[in-house]
Amino acid sequence: MSTERILAEISEMIEVVLADYGTGDVEIGMDTRFTDDLEMESIDLVALAGQLEERYGGQVNFAEFIAGLELDEIIELTVGALVRHVEGSLVGAGR
């Protein structure tokens, strides 16, 4: 699966998670930060984890990915970092 397609899918998931907040005017790209740009909180990341599992199954473990990061890395986490994680997980799973 291409990086662009994964980015598009994750962007759609983020839009679903944030639909009630009215943040539809934020352009989501590889450099978009979850905390600063999208103003996502921990509960939103939990909802995103659910979306990821629903779409990719157990091949993409968001909780494990986050657990491997330092606090400052979590605060500065970008959509691109998640895209690369998903891409690596899918390649490792043979998809």
C-alpha atoms as a PDB file:
ATOM      1  CA  MET A   1       0.000   0.000   0.000  1.00  0.00           C
ATOM      2  CA  SER A   2       1.393   3.404  -0.945  1.00  0.00           C
ATOM      3  CA  THR A   3       2.299   6.131   1.520  1.00  0.00           C
ATOM      4  CA  GLU A   4      -0.234   8.447  -0.136  1.00  0.00           C
ATOM      5  CA  ARG A   5      -3.044   5.937   0.276  1.00  0.00           C
ATOM      6  CA  ILE A   6      -2.184   5.324   3.940  1.00  0.00           C
ATOM      7  CA  LEU A   7      -2.071   9.095   4.528  1.00  0.00           C
ATOM      8  CA  ALA A   8      -5.490   9.469   2.898  1.00  0.00           C
ATOM      9  CA  GLU A   9      -6.962   6.661   5.009  1.00  0.00           C
ATOM     10  CA  ILE A  10      -5.499   8.024   8.256  1.00  0.00           C
ATOM     11  CA  SER A  11      -6.691  11.530   7.357  1.00  0.00           C
ATOM     12  CA  GLU A  12     -10.222  10.173   6.942  1.00  0.00           C
ATOM     13  CA  MET A  13      -9.971   8.412  10.311  1.00  0.00           C
ATOM     14  CA  ILE A  14      -8.824  11.625  11.982  1.00  0.00           C
ATOM     15  CA  GLU A  15     -11.704  13.528  10.401  1.00  0.00           C
ATOM     16  CA  VAL A  16     -14.154  10.946  11.774  1.00  0.00           C
ATOM     17  CA  VAL A  17     -12.621  11.156  15.256  1.00  0.00           C
ATOM     18  CA  LEU A  18     -12.681  14.962  15.234  1.00  0.00           C
ATOM     19  CA  ALA A  19     -16.021  15.402  13.445  1.00  0.00           C
ATOM     20  CA  ASP A  20     -17.773  16.719  16.556  1.00  0.00           C
ATOM     21  CA  TYR A  21     -15.092  19.373  17.108  1.00  0.00           C
ATOM     22  CA  GLY A  22     -15.598  21.135  13.790  1.00  0.00           C
ATOM     23  CA  THR A  23     -11.946  21.037  12.750  1.00  0.00           C
ATOM     24  CA  GLY A  24     -12.732  20.291   9.111  1.00  0.00           C
ATOM     25  CA  ASP A  25     -10.763  23.317   7.924  1.00  0.00           C
ATOM     26  CA  VAL A  26      -7.405  21.885   9.061  1.00  0.00           C
ATOM     27  CA  GLU A  27      -5.403  20.404   6.199  1.00  0.00           C
ATOM     28  CA  ILE A  28      -3.913  17.086   7.281  1.00  0.00           C
ATOM     29  CA  GLY A  29      -0.479  16.254   5.904  1.00  0.00           C
ATOM     30  CA  MET A  30       2.631  14.345   6.899  1.00  0.00           C
ATOM     31  CA  ASP A  31       3.887  17.225   9.087  1.00  0.00           C
ATOM     32  CA  THR A  32       0.574  17.794  10.875  1.00  0.00           C
ATOM     33  CA  ARG A  33       0.997  17.353  14.624  1.00  0.00           C
ATOM     34  CA  PHE A  34      -1.726  15.585  16.575  1.00  0.00           C
ATOM     35  CA  THR A  35      -1.462  17.802  19.652  1.00  0.00           C
ATOM     36  CA  ASP A  36      -0.540  21.253  18.353  1.00  0.00           C
ATOM     37  CA  ASP A  37      -2.221  21.317  14.940  1.00  0.00           C
ATOM     38  CA  LEU A  38      -5.218  19.027  15.451  1.00  0.00           C
ATOM     39  CA  GLU A  39      -5.610  19.691  19.194  1.00  0.00           C
ATOM     40  CA  MET A  40      -6.220  15.994  19.808  1.00  0.00           C
ATOM     41  CA  GLU A  41      -6.333  14.790  23.386  1.00  0.00           C
ATOM     42  CA  SER A  42      -5.621  11.333  24.768  1.00  0.00           C
ATOM     43  CA  ILE A  43      -9.255  10.230  24.390  1.00  0.00           C
ATOM     44  CA  ASP A  44      -9.091  11.202  20.712  1.00  0.00           C
ATOM     45  CA  LEU A  45      -5.968   9.078  20.276  1.00  0.00           C
ATOM     46  CA  VAL A  46      -7.821   6.148  21.844  1.00  0.00           C
ATOM     47  CA  ALA A  47     -10.632   6.649  19.332  1.00  0.00           C
ATOM     48  CA  LEU A  48      -8.063   6.827  16.521  1.00  0.00           C
ATOM     49  CA  ALA A  49      -6.517   3.574  17.762  1.00  0.00           C
ATOM     50  CA  GLY A  50      -9.954   1.976  17.426  1.00  0.00           C
ATOM     51  CA  GLN A  51     -10.270   3.277  13.868  1.00  0.00           C
ATOM     52  CA  LEU A  52      -6.817   1.910  13.009  1.00  0.00           C
ATOM     53  CA  GLU A  53      -7.653  -1.510  14.422  1.00  0.00           C
ATOM     54  CA  GLU A  54     -10.966  -1.576  12.581  1.00  0.00           C
ATOM     55  CA  ARG A  55      -9.244  -0.768   9.277  1.00  0.00           C
ATOM     56  CA  TYR A  56      -5.974  -2.711   9.582  1.00  0.00           C
ATOM     57  CA  GLY A  57      -6.750  -5.338  12.215  1.00  0.00           C
ATOM     58  CA  GLY A  58      -4.080  -6.454  14.632  1.00  0.00           C
ATOM     59  CA  GLN A  59      -1.294  -5.745  12.156  1.00  0.00           C
ATOM     60  CA  VAL A  60      -1.110  -2.120  13.315  1.00  0.00           C
ATOM     61  CA  ASN A  61      -0.723  -1.825  17.078  1.00  0.00           C
ATOM     62  CA  PHE A  62      -1.091   1.869  17.914  1.00  0.00           C
ATOM     63  CA  ALA A  63      -0.772   1.336  21.668  1.00  0.00           C
ATOM     64  CA  GLU A  64       2.529  -0.484  21.204  1.00  0.00           C
ATOM     65  CA  PHE A  65       3.754   2.272  18.887  1.00  0.00           C
ATOM     66  CA  ILE A  66       2.912   5.003  21.422  1.00  0.00           C
ATOM     67  CA  ALA A  67       4.389   2.988  24.300  1.00  0.00           C
ATOM     68  CA  GLY A  68       7.737   2.984  22.520  1.00  0.00           C
ATOM     69  CA  LEU A  69       7.900   6.784  22.433  1.00  0.00           C
ATOM     70  CA  GLU A  70       9.191   9.280  24.981  1.00  0.00           C
ATOM     71  CA  LEU A  71       6.730  11.867  26.335  1.00  0.00           C
ATOM     72  CA  ASP A  72       8.168  14.687  24.208  1.00  0.00           C
ATOM     73  CA  GLU A  73       7.903  12.459  21.112  1.00  0.00           C
ATOM     74  CA  ILE A  74       4.238  11.785  21.876  1.00  0.00           C
ATOM     75  CA  ILE A  75       3.564  15.502  22.297  1.00  0.00           C
ATOM     76  CA  GLU A  76       5.254  16.258  18.953  1.00  0.00           C
ATOM     77  CA  LEU A  77       3.842  13.178  17.161  1.00  0.00           C
ATOM     78  CA  THR A  78       3.040  13.854  13.521  1.00  0.00           C
ATOM     79  CA  VAL A  79       0.637  12.191  11.149  1.00  0.00           C
ATOM     80  CA  GLY A  80       3.682  11.267   9.056  1.00  0.00           C
ATOM     81  CA  ALA A  81       5.200   9.288  11.921  1.00  0.00           C
ATOM     82  CA  LEU A  82       1.967   7.319  12.225  1.00  0.00           C
ATOM     83  CA  VAL A  83       1.816   6.804   8.457  1.00  0.00           C
ATOM     84  CA  ARG A  84       5.368   5.408   8.486  1.00  0.00           C
ATOM     85  CA  HIS A  85       4.469   3.127  11.407  1.00  0.00           C
ATOM     86  CA  VAL A  86       1.394   1.809   9.588  1.00  0.00           C
ATOM     87  CA  GLU A  87       3.388   1.354   6.391  1.00  0.00           C
ATOM     88  CA  GLY A  88       6.107  -0.588   8.227  1.00  0.00           C
ATOM     89  CA  SER A  89       3.558  -2.715  10.061  1.00  0.00           C
ATOM     90  CA  LEU A  90       1.761  -3.625   6.850  1.00  0.00           C
ATOM     91  CA  VAL A  91       5.017  -4.451   5.060  1.00  0.00           C
ATOM     92  CA  GLY A  92       6.017  -6.637   8.009  1.00  0.00           C
ATOM     93  CA  ALA A  93       2.656  -8.384   7.759  1.00  0.00           C
ATOM     94  CA  GLY A  94       3.100  -8.977   4.042  1.00  0.00           C
ATOM     95  CA  ARG A  95       0.382  -6.583   2.892  1.00  0.00           C
END
